[in-house]
N, C-alpha and C. Protein backbone atom coordinates (compact mmCIF):
# COMPACT_ATOMS: atom_id res chain seq x y z
N MET A 1 29.16 -35.91 -50.27
CA MET A 1 28.19 -36.76 -49.40
C MET A 1 28.19 -36.14 -47.95
N MET A 2 29.26 -35.83 -47.40
CA MET A 2 29.24 -35.29 -46.05
C MET A 2 28.51 -33.98 -45.98
N ASN A 3 28.69 -33.19 -46.91
CA ASN A 3 27.98 -31.93 -46.99
C ASN A 3 26.60 -32.16 -47.12
N THR A 4 25.97 -33.15 -47.86
CA THR A 4 24.62 -33.36 -47.94
C THR A 4 24.08 -33.90 -46.53
N ILE A 5 24.78 -34.56 -45.89
CA ILE A 5 24.47 -35.07 -44.50
C ILE A 5 24.34 -34.05 -43.55
N TYR A 6 25.35 -33.01 -43.56
CA TYR A 6 25.32 -31.88 -42.63
C TYR A 6 24.28 -30.95 -42.96
N THR A 7 23.90 -30.74 -44.41
CA THR A 7 22.77 -29.88 -44.73
C THR A 7 21.57 -30.37 -44.28
N GLY A 8 21.21 -31.75 -44.53
CA GLY A 8 20.03 -32.27 -44.04
C GLY A 8 19.93 -32.32 -42.53
N PHE A 9 21.05 -32.41 -41.78
CA PHE A 9 20.84 -32.45 -40.32
C PHE A 9 20.57 -30.96 -39.89
N ALA A 10 21.16 -30.03 -40.46
CA ALA A 10 20.98 -28.52 -40.17
C ALA A 10 19.50 -28.27 -40.57
N ASN A 11 18.96 -28.70 -41.72
CA ASN A 11 17.49 -28.34 -41.96
C ASN A 11 16.67 -29.10 -40.99
N LEU A 12 16.93 -30.22 -40.54
CA LEU A 12 16.14 -31.02 -39.48
C LEU A 12 16.05 -30.05 -38.10
N ILE A 13 17.25 -29.82 -37.60
CA ILE A 13 17.33 -28.94 -36.52
C ILE A 13 16.54 -27.62 -36.63
N GLY A 14 16.84 -27.02 -37.75
CA GLY A 14 16.05 -25.70 -38.07
C GLY A 14 14.61 -25.75 -38.10
N GLY A 15 14.11 -26.95 -38.67
CA GLY A 15 12.72 -27.05 -38.67
C GLY A 15 12.13 -27.26 -37.27
N ILE A 16 12.81 -28.20 -36.39
CA ILE A 16 12.39 -28.39 -35.01
C ILE A 16 12.47 -27.13 -34.21
N SER A 17 13.48 -26.35 -34.35
CA SER A 17 13.69 -24.97 -33.76
C SER A 17 12.46 -24.10 -34.21
N ASN A 18 12.36 -23.86 -35.38
CA ASN A 18 11.05 -23.22 -35.81
C ASN A 18 9.70 -23.47 -35.14
N VAL A 19 9.52 -24.69 -35.21
CA VAL A 19 8.20 -25.19 -34.59
C VAL A 19 8.19 -24.89 -33.08
N MET A 20 9.25 -25.36 -32.35
CA MET A 20 9.38 -25.29 -30.79
C MET A 20 9.33 -23.62 -30.48
N TYR A 21 10.00 -22.82 -31.11
CA TYR A 21 10.03 -21.43 -30.69
C TYR A 21 9.07 -20.50 -31.43
N SER A 22 8.12 -21.04 -32.09
CA SER A 22 7.13 -20.18 -32.60
C SER A 22 6.15 -20.05 -31.66
N TYR A 23 5.09 -20.85 -31.55
CA TYR A 23 3.99 -20.78 -30.69
C TYR A 23 4.03 -21.76 -29.61
N LEU A 24 4.44 -23.03 -30.01
CA LEU A 24 4.37 -24.16 -29.10
C LEU A 24 4.96 -24.08 -27.72
N LEU A 25 6.20 -23.52 -27.79
CA LEU A 25 6.84 -23.42 -26.45
C LEU A 25 6.28 -22.38 -25.57
N ILE A 26 5.80 -21.35 -26.16
CA ILE A 26 4.93 -20.26 -25.37
C ILE A 26 3.73 -20.98 -24.77
N ILE A 27 2.97 -21.72 -25.66
CA ILE A 27 1.62 -22.28 -25.12
C ILE A 27 1.87 -23.23 -24.04
N LEU A 28 3.02 -24.07 -24.20
CA LEU A 28 3.35 -25.14 -23.23
C LEU A 28 3.77 -24.41 -21.83
N LEU A 29 4.61 -23.33 -21.97
CA LEU A 29 5.13 -22.74 -20.72
C LEU A 29 3.97 -22.06 -20.01
N LEU A 30 3.10 -21.38 -20.79
CA LEU A 30 1.76 -20.71 -20.21
C LEU A 30 0.97 -21.79 -19.49
N ALA A 31 0.78 -23.05 -20.14
CA ALA A 31 -0.09 -23.93 -19.70
C ALA A 31 0.54 -24.54 -18.30
N VAL A 32 1.84 -24.78 -18.47
CA VAL A 32 2.41 -25.34 -17.09
C VAL A 32 2.32 -24.25 -16.04
N GLY A 33 2.49 -23.00 -16.30
CA GLY A 33 2.41 -21.93 -15.26
C GLY A 33 1.05 -21.72 -14.80
N ILE A 34 0.05 -22.00 -15.60
CA ILE A 34 -1.38 -22.07 -15.18
C ILE A 34 -1.77 -23.12 -14.30
N TYR A 35 -1.02 -24.30 -14.69
CA TYR A 35 -1.28 -25.59 -13.84
C TYR A 35 -0.80 -25.35 -12.44
N PHE A 36 0.46 -24.96 -12.43
CA PHE A 36 1.14 -24.85 -11.29
C PHE A 36 0.56 -23.85 -10.36
N THR A 37 -0.05 -22.77 -10.95
CA THR A 37 -0.72 -21.66 -10.26
C THR A 37 -1.95 -22.12 -9.61
N CYS A 38 -2.70 -23.07 -10.25
CA CYS A 38 -4.02 -23.60 -9.78
C CYS A 38 -3.72 -24.66 -8.87
N ARG A 39 -2.76 -25.56 -9.16
CA ARG A 39 -2.35 -26.61 -8.17
C ARG A 39 -1.72 -26.22 -6.91
N GLY A 40 -1.05 -24.96 -6.90
CA GLY A 40 -0.38 -24.44 -5.75
C GLY A 40 -1.27 -23.47 -4.98
N LYS A 41 -2.52 -23.34 -5.49
CA LYS A 41 -3.46 -22.34 -5.02
C LYS A 41 -3.14 -21.01 -4.87
N PHE A 42 -2.45 -20.51 -5.99
CA PHE A 42 -1.92 -19.07 -6.11
C PHE A 42 -0.93 -18.88 -4.95
N LEU A 43 0.09 -19.76 -5.01
CA LEU A 43 1.12 -19.64 -3.93
C LEU A 43 1.91 -18.35 -4.13
N GLN A 44 2.05 -17.82 -5.30
CA GLN A 44 2.91 -16.79 -5.59
C GLN A 44 2.18 -15.40 -5.10
N LEU A 45 0.94 -15.39 -5.01
CA LEU A 45 0.29 -14.33 -4.32
C LEU A 45 0.01 -14.54 -2.85
N ARG A 46 -0.19 -15.76 -2.44
CA ARG A 46 -0.51 -16.22 -1.13
C ARG A 46 0.80 -15.92 -0.21
N MET A 47 1.89 -16.38 -0.77
CA MET A 47 3.23 -16.26 -0.05
C MET A 47 4.02 -14.95 -0.24
N LEU A 48 3.38 -13.81 -0.94
CA LEU A 48 4.00 -12.68 -1.09
C LEU A 48 4.40 -12.05 0.21
N PRO A 49 3.47 -11.94 1.09
CA PRO A 49 3.96 -11.27 2.32
C PRO A 49 5.12 -12.04 3.07
N GLU A 50 5.05 -13.26 3.05
CA GLU A 50 6.24 -14.13 3.56
C GLU A 50 7.58 -13.80 2.91
N SER A 51 7.42 -13.76 1.51
CA SER A 51 8.74 -13.46 0.81
C SER A 51 9.23 -12.25 1.09
N ILE A 52 8.37 -11.17 1.19
CA ILE A 52 8.81 -9.81 1.66
C ILE A 52 9.45 -9.92 3.03
N ARG A 53 8.76 -10.50 3.89
CA ARG A 53 9.40 -10.62 5.32
C ARG A 53 10.85 -11.36 5.26
N VAL A 54 10.95 -12.52 4.49
CA VAL A 54 12.21 -13.11 4.45
C VAL A 54 13.31 -12.27 3.76
N ALA A 55 12.92 -11.40 2.76
CA ALA A 55 13.88 -10.68 2.04
C ALA A 55 14.42 -9.49 2.86
N SER A 56 13.51 -9.01 3.85
CA SER A 56 13.85 -8.02 4.70
C SER A 56 14.58 -8.34 5.94
N GLU A 57 14.85 -9.76 6.28
CA GLU A 57 15.49 -9.99 7.47
C GLU A 57 16.99 -9.62 7.39
N LYS A 58 17.48 -9.23 8.51
CA LYS A 58 18.83 -8.82 8.87
C LYS A 58 19.68 -10.08 8.88
N PRO A 59 20.97 -9.87 8.50
CA PRO A 59 21.93 -11.09 8.38
C PRO A 59 22.10 -11.35 9.95
N GLY A 60 22.40 -12.84 10.14
CA GLY A 60 22.49 -13.35 11.43
C GLY A 60 23.85 -12.97 12.23
N SER A 61 25.01 -12.85 11.35
CA SER A 61 26.19 -12.44 12.03
C SER A 61 26.87 -11.35 11.12
N ALA A 62 27.88 -10.73 11.64
CA ALA A 62 28.50 -9.75 11.06
C ALA A 62 29.39 -10.18 9.82
N GLY A 63 29.14 -9.39 8.77
CA GLY A 63 29.92 -9.71 7.52
C GLY A 63 29.12 -10.87 6.69
N ALA A 64 28.10 -11.35 7.15
CA ALA A 64 27.22 -12.27 6.45
C ALA A 64 26.44 -11.54 5.33
N VAL A 65 25.91 -12.27 4.38
CA VAL A 65 25.24 -11.76 3.32
C VAL A 65 23.75 -11.65 3.76
N SER A 66 23.02 -10.72 3.68
CA SER A 66 21.70 -10.66 3.98
C SER A 66 20.73 -11.20 2.90
N SER A 67 19.55 -11.57 3.31
CA SER A 67 18.66 -12.06 2.35
C SER A 67 18.22 -11.27 1.15
N PHE A 68 18.31 -9.91 1.53
CA PHE A 68 18.02 -8.98 0.32
C PHE A 68 19.23 -8.84 -0.59
N GLU A 69 20.42 -8.83 -0.20
CA GLU A 69 21.59 -8.86 -0.79
C GLU A 69 21.64 -10.10 -1.77
N ALA A 70 21.37 -11.28 -1.20
CA ALA A 70 21.40 -12.41 -2.05
C ALA A 70 20.27 -12.38 -3.14
N LEU A 71 19.15 -11.82 -2.84
CA LEU A 71 18.19 -11.75 -3.77
C LEU A 71 18.49 -10.70 -4.96
N MET A 72 19.18 -9.60 -4.59
CA MET A 72 19.66 -8.75 -5.59
C MET A 72 20.75 -9.35 -6.45
N VAL A 73 21.63 -10.06 -5.85
CA VAL A 73 22.60 -10.77 -6.79
C VAL A 73 21.94 -11.70 -7.61
N SER A 74 21.11 -12.33 -7.21
CA SER A 74 20.52 -13.53 -7.95
C SER A 74 19.68 -12.66 -9.14
N THR A 75 19.05 -11.74 -8.79
CA THR A 75 18.14 -11.05 -9.84
C THR A 75 19.12 -10.35 -10.90
N ALA A 76 20.27 -9.80 -10.42
CA ALA A 76 21.30 -9.10 -11.31
C ALA A 76 21.88 -10.17 -12.23
N SER A 77 21.97 -11.44 -11.82
CA SER A 77 22.51 -12.52 -12.72
C SER A 77 21.57 -13.00 -13.72
N ARG A 78 20.35 -12.88 -13.50
CA ARG A 78 19.32 -13.38 -14.26
C ARG A 78 18.67 -12.36 -15.30
N VAL A 79 18.72 -11.03 -14.95
CA VAL A 79 18.23 -10.12 -15.82
C VAL A 79 19.32 -9.36 -16.55
N GLY A 80 19.41 -9.45 -17.89
CA GLY A 80 20.38 -8.95 -18.66
C GLY A 80 19.81 -7.66 -19.32
N THR A 81 20.75 -6.99 -20.17
CA THR A 81 20.38 -5.75 -20.91
C THR A 81 19.41 -6.22 -21.93
N GLY A 82 19.36 -7.31 -22.53
CA GLY A 82 18.23 -7.70 -23.47
C GLY A 82 17.01 -7.65 -22.85
N ASN A 83 16.74 -8.04 -21.51
CA ASN A 83 15.43 -8.15 -21.06
C ASN A 83 15.12 -6.51 -20.58
N ILE A 84 15.88 -5.82 -20.31
CA ILE A 84 15.58 -4.50 -20.14
C ILE A 84 15.05 -3.68 -21.27
N VAL A 85 16.01 -3.93 -22.45
CA VAL A 85 15.64 -3.30 -23.65
C VAL A 85 14.30 -3.77 -24.15
N GLY A 86 13.99 -5.10 -24.03
CA GLY A 86 12.88 -5.77 -24.49
C GLY A 86 11.65 -5.23 -23.77
N VAL A 87 11.81 -5.02 -22.46
CA VAL A 87 10.53 -4.35 -21.75
C VAL A 87 10.33 -3.03 -22.26
N ALA A 88 11.49 -2.18 -22.48
CA ALA A 88 11.25 -0.82 -22.70
C ALA A 88 10.72 -0.76 -24.19
N ASN A 89 11.05 -1.56 -25.12
CA ASN A 89 10.34 -1.73 -26.43
C ASN A 89 8.94 -2.08 -26.25
N ALA A 90 8.67 -2.97 -25.41
CA ALA A 90 7.27 -3.51 -25.31
C ALA A 90 6.36 -2.29 -24.86
N ILE A 91 6.78 -1.53 -23.89
CA ILE A 91 6.12 -0.64 -23.24
C ILE A 91 5.94 0.55 -24.32
N ALA A 92 7.02 0.91 -25.11
CA ALA A 92 6.94 1.93 -26.12
C ALA A 92 5.94 1.59 -27.24
N THR A 93 6.00 0.35 -27.60
CA THR A 93 4.99 -0.08 -28.75
C THR A 93 3.61 -0.42 -28.30
N GLY A 94 3.51 -1.11 -27.13
CA GLY A 94 2.22 -1.57 -26.57
C GLY A 94 1.62 -0.93 -25.51
N GLY A 95 2.33 0.10 -24.93
CA GLY A 95 1.65 0.98 -23.78
C GLY A 95 1.28 0.21 -22.64
N TYR A 96 0.10 0.55 -22.12
CA TYR A 96 -0.47 -0.05 -20.91
C TYR A 96 -0.69 -1.44 -20.93
N GLY A 97 -1.33 -1.83 -22.19
CA GLY A 97 -1.69 -3.22 -22.37
C GLY A 97 -0.41 -4.23 -22.35
N ALA A 98 0.72 -3.68 -22.81
CA ALA A 98 1.94 -4.47 -22.67
C ALA A 98 2.33 -4.67 -21.28
N VAL A 99 2.40 -3.67 -20.49
CA VAL A 99 2.61 -3.68 -19.01
C VAL A 99 1.73 -4.73 -18.33
N PHE A 100 0.45 -4.68 -18.65
CA PHE A 100 -0.59 -5.63 -17.93
C PHE A 100 -0.31 -6.98 -18.38
N TRP A 101 0.02 -7.23 -19.62
CA TRP A 101 0.20 -8.71 -19.95
C TRP A 101 1.63 -9.02 -19.54
N MET A 102 2.64 -8.20 -19.44
CA MET A 102 3.87 -8.63 -18.76
C MET A 102 3.80 -9.10 -17.22
N TRP A 103 2.90 -8.27 -16.54
CA TRP A 103 2.54 -8.52 -15.17
C TRP A 103 1.75 -9.93 -15.15
N MET A 104 0.89 -10.24 -15.96
CA MET A 104 0.10 -11.50 -15.98
C MET A 104 1.12 -12.66 -16.22
N ILE A 105 1.98 -12.54 -17.17
CA ILE A 105 2.91 -13.48 -17.55
C ILE A 105 3.95 -13.83 -16.40
N ALA A 106 4.38 -12.64 -15.63
CA ALA A 106 5.20 -12.72 -14.53
C ALA A 106 4.51 -13.52 -13.37
N ILE A 107 3.30 -13.26 -13.15
CA ILE A 107 2.65 -14.06 -11.99
C ILE A 107 2.43 -15.46 -12.37
N VAL A 108 2.22 -15.79 -13.52
CA VAL A 108 2.03 -17.24 -14.00
C VAL A 108 3.51 -17.92 -14.02
N GLY A 109 4.43 -17.12 -14.39
CA GLY A 109 5.80 -17.71 -14.54
C GLY A 109 6.24 -17.78 -13.10
N ALA A 110 5.97 -17.07 -12.06
CA ALA A 110 6.44 -17.18 -10.77
C ALA A 110 6.05 -18.69 -10.14
N ALA A 111 4.99 -19.12 -10.55
CA ALA A 111 4.65 -20.53 -10.10
C ALA A 111 5.56 -21.53 -10.60
N SER A 112 5.88 -21.39 -11.87
CA SER A 112 6.75 -22.36 -12.50
C SER A 112 8.29 -22.12 -11.90
N ALA A 113 8.65 -20.89 -11.58
CA ALA A 113 9.94 -20.65 -10.93
C ALA A 113 9.96 -21.25 -9.47
N PHE A 114 8.85 -21.13 -8.84
CA PHE A 114 8.83 -21.72 -7.47
C PHE A 114 8.83 -23.28 -7.40
N VAL A 115 8.32 -23.93 -8.39
CA VAL A 115 8.38 -25.33 -8.44
C VAL A 115 9.77 -25.70 -8.93
N GLU A 116 10.49 -25.01 -9.75
CA GLU A 116 11.76 -25.24 -10.24
C GLU A 116 12.89 -25.08 -9.06
N SER A 117 12.60 -24.04 -8.18
CA SER A 117 13.45 -23.84 -7.10
C SER A 117 13.23 -24.86 -5.85
N THR A 118 12.08 -25.27 -5.86
CA THR A 118 11.80 -26.30 -4.84
C THR A 118 12.32 -27.59 -5.10
N LEU A 119 12.25 -28.04 -6.51
CA LEU A 119 12.82 -29.28 -7.02
C LEU A 119 14.34 -29.17 -6.79
N ALA A 120 15.09 -27.98 -7.09
CA ALA A 120 16.46 -27.88 -6.89
C ALA A 120 16.92 -28.06 -5.48
N GLN A 121 15.98 -27.64 -4.52
CA GLN A 121 16.43 -27.95 -3.14
C GLN A 121 16.22 -29.26 -2.66
N ILE A 122 15.13 -29.83 -3.25
CA ILE A 122 14.83 -31.16 -2.71
C ILE A 122 15.94 -32.29 -3.25
N TYR A 123 16.48 -32.02 -4.37
CA TYR A 123 17.40 -32.99 -5.13
C TYR A 123 18.83 -32.43 -5.14
N LYS A 124 19.19 -31.48 -4.39
CA LYS A 124 20.55 -31.03 -4.30
C LYS A 124 21.49 -32.19 -3.68
N LYS A 125 22.67 -32.13 -4.00
CA LYS A 125 23.67 -33.20 -3.65
C LYS A 125 24.73 -32.61 -2.59
N LYS A 126 25.18 -33.28 -1.73
CA LYS A 126 26.38 -32.74 -0.88
C LYS A 126 27.64 -33.18 -1.35
N ASP A 127 28.70 -32.33 -1.26
CA ASP A 127 30.06 -32.77 -1.75
C ASP A 127 30.77 -33.10 -0.41
N GLU A 128 31.88 -33.62 -0.64
CA GLU A 128 32.92 -34.11 0.36
C GLU A 128 33.31 -32.96 1.30
N ASN A 129 33.24 -31.63 0.99
CA ASN A 129 33.65 -30.55 1.74
C ASN A 129 32.56 -30.05 2.51
N GLY A 130 31.37 -30.53 2.38
CA GLY A 130 30.11 -29.88 3.16
C GLY A 130 29.28 -29.08 2.38
N GLY A 131 29.75 -28.64 1.19
CA GLY A 131 29.07 -27.85 0.13
C GLY A 131 27.92 -28.65 -0.44
N SER A 132 27.24 -27.90 -1.18
CA SER A 132 26.15 -28.58 -2.07
C SER A 132 26.20 -28.04 -3.46
N TYR A 133 25.62 -29.14 -4.32
CA TYR A 133 25.70 -28.68 -5.81
C TYR A 133 24.33 -29.50 -6.30
N GLY A 134 24.02 -28.93 -7.52
CA GLY A 134 22.80 -29.47 -8.16
C GLY A 134 22.21 -28.51 -9.11
N GLY A 135 21.08 -28.65 -9.58
CA GLY A 135 20.43 -27.92 -10.56
C GLY A 135 19.44 -28.66 -11.31
N PRO A 136 19.08 -28.03 -12.45
CA PRO A 136 18.04 -28.71 -13.27
C PRO A 136 18.54 -30.15 -13.95
N SER A 137 19.82 -30.34 -14.17
CA SER A 137 20.01 -31.60 -14.70
C SER A 137 20.05 -32.64 -13.61
N TYR A 138 20.32 -32.23 -12.33
CA TYR A 138 20.21 -33.31 -11.26
C TYR A 138 18.83 -33.52 -10.84
N TYR A 139 17.93 -32.75 -10.81
CA TYR A 139 16.58 -33.12 -10.56
C TYR A 139 15.79 -33.71 -11.65
N ILE A 140 16.09 -33.44 -12.96
CA ILE A 140 15.58 -34.15 -14.04
C ILE A 140 15.96 -35.57 -14.02
N GLN A 141 17.25 -35.81 -13.58
CA GLN A 141 17.70 -37.23 -13.62
C GLN A 141 17.01 -37.91 -12.50
N ALA A 142 16.93 -37.32 -11.30
CA ALA A 142 16.43 -38.03 -10.03
C ALA A 142 14.99 -38.18 -10.11
N ALA A 143 14.29 -37.17 -10.54
CA ALA A 143 12.90 -37.34 -10.67
C ALA A 143 12.31 -37.87 -11.75
């Protein structure tokens, strides 16, 4: 009896996963990225000079982390070997077309990343020691 319930539940979750991770999730992410790109008036391109200026700022005090160092640590924590290998495989099999489409998806995805980062800053919480905490679960609950 229990094995039948477990098998049925596993089949249900597997079916939902197959639908979500086939084309539906890709289409939804692209649609949201295009929406935020248009709604933000191409902010990821408009604000590129400002982001370069901020990333190249010198730290305010000795021993402080610079904006560029913080950017590199953040990037290193997000980009794994799977992403690097995936890009290399895409370029090897797709050539210049793969590079073009990766850049297009990156530009559209940048608008979604900007909105996500903005929400995280708006809805972050302060702890009793003066630090801050938050993230997607906090702004999903609050918004």
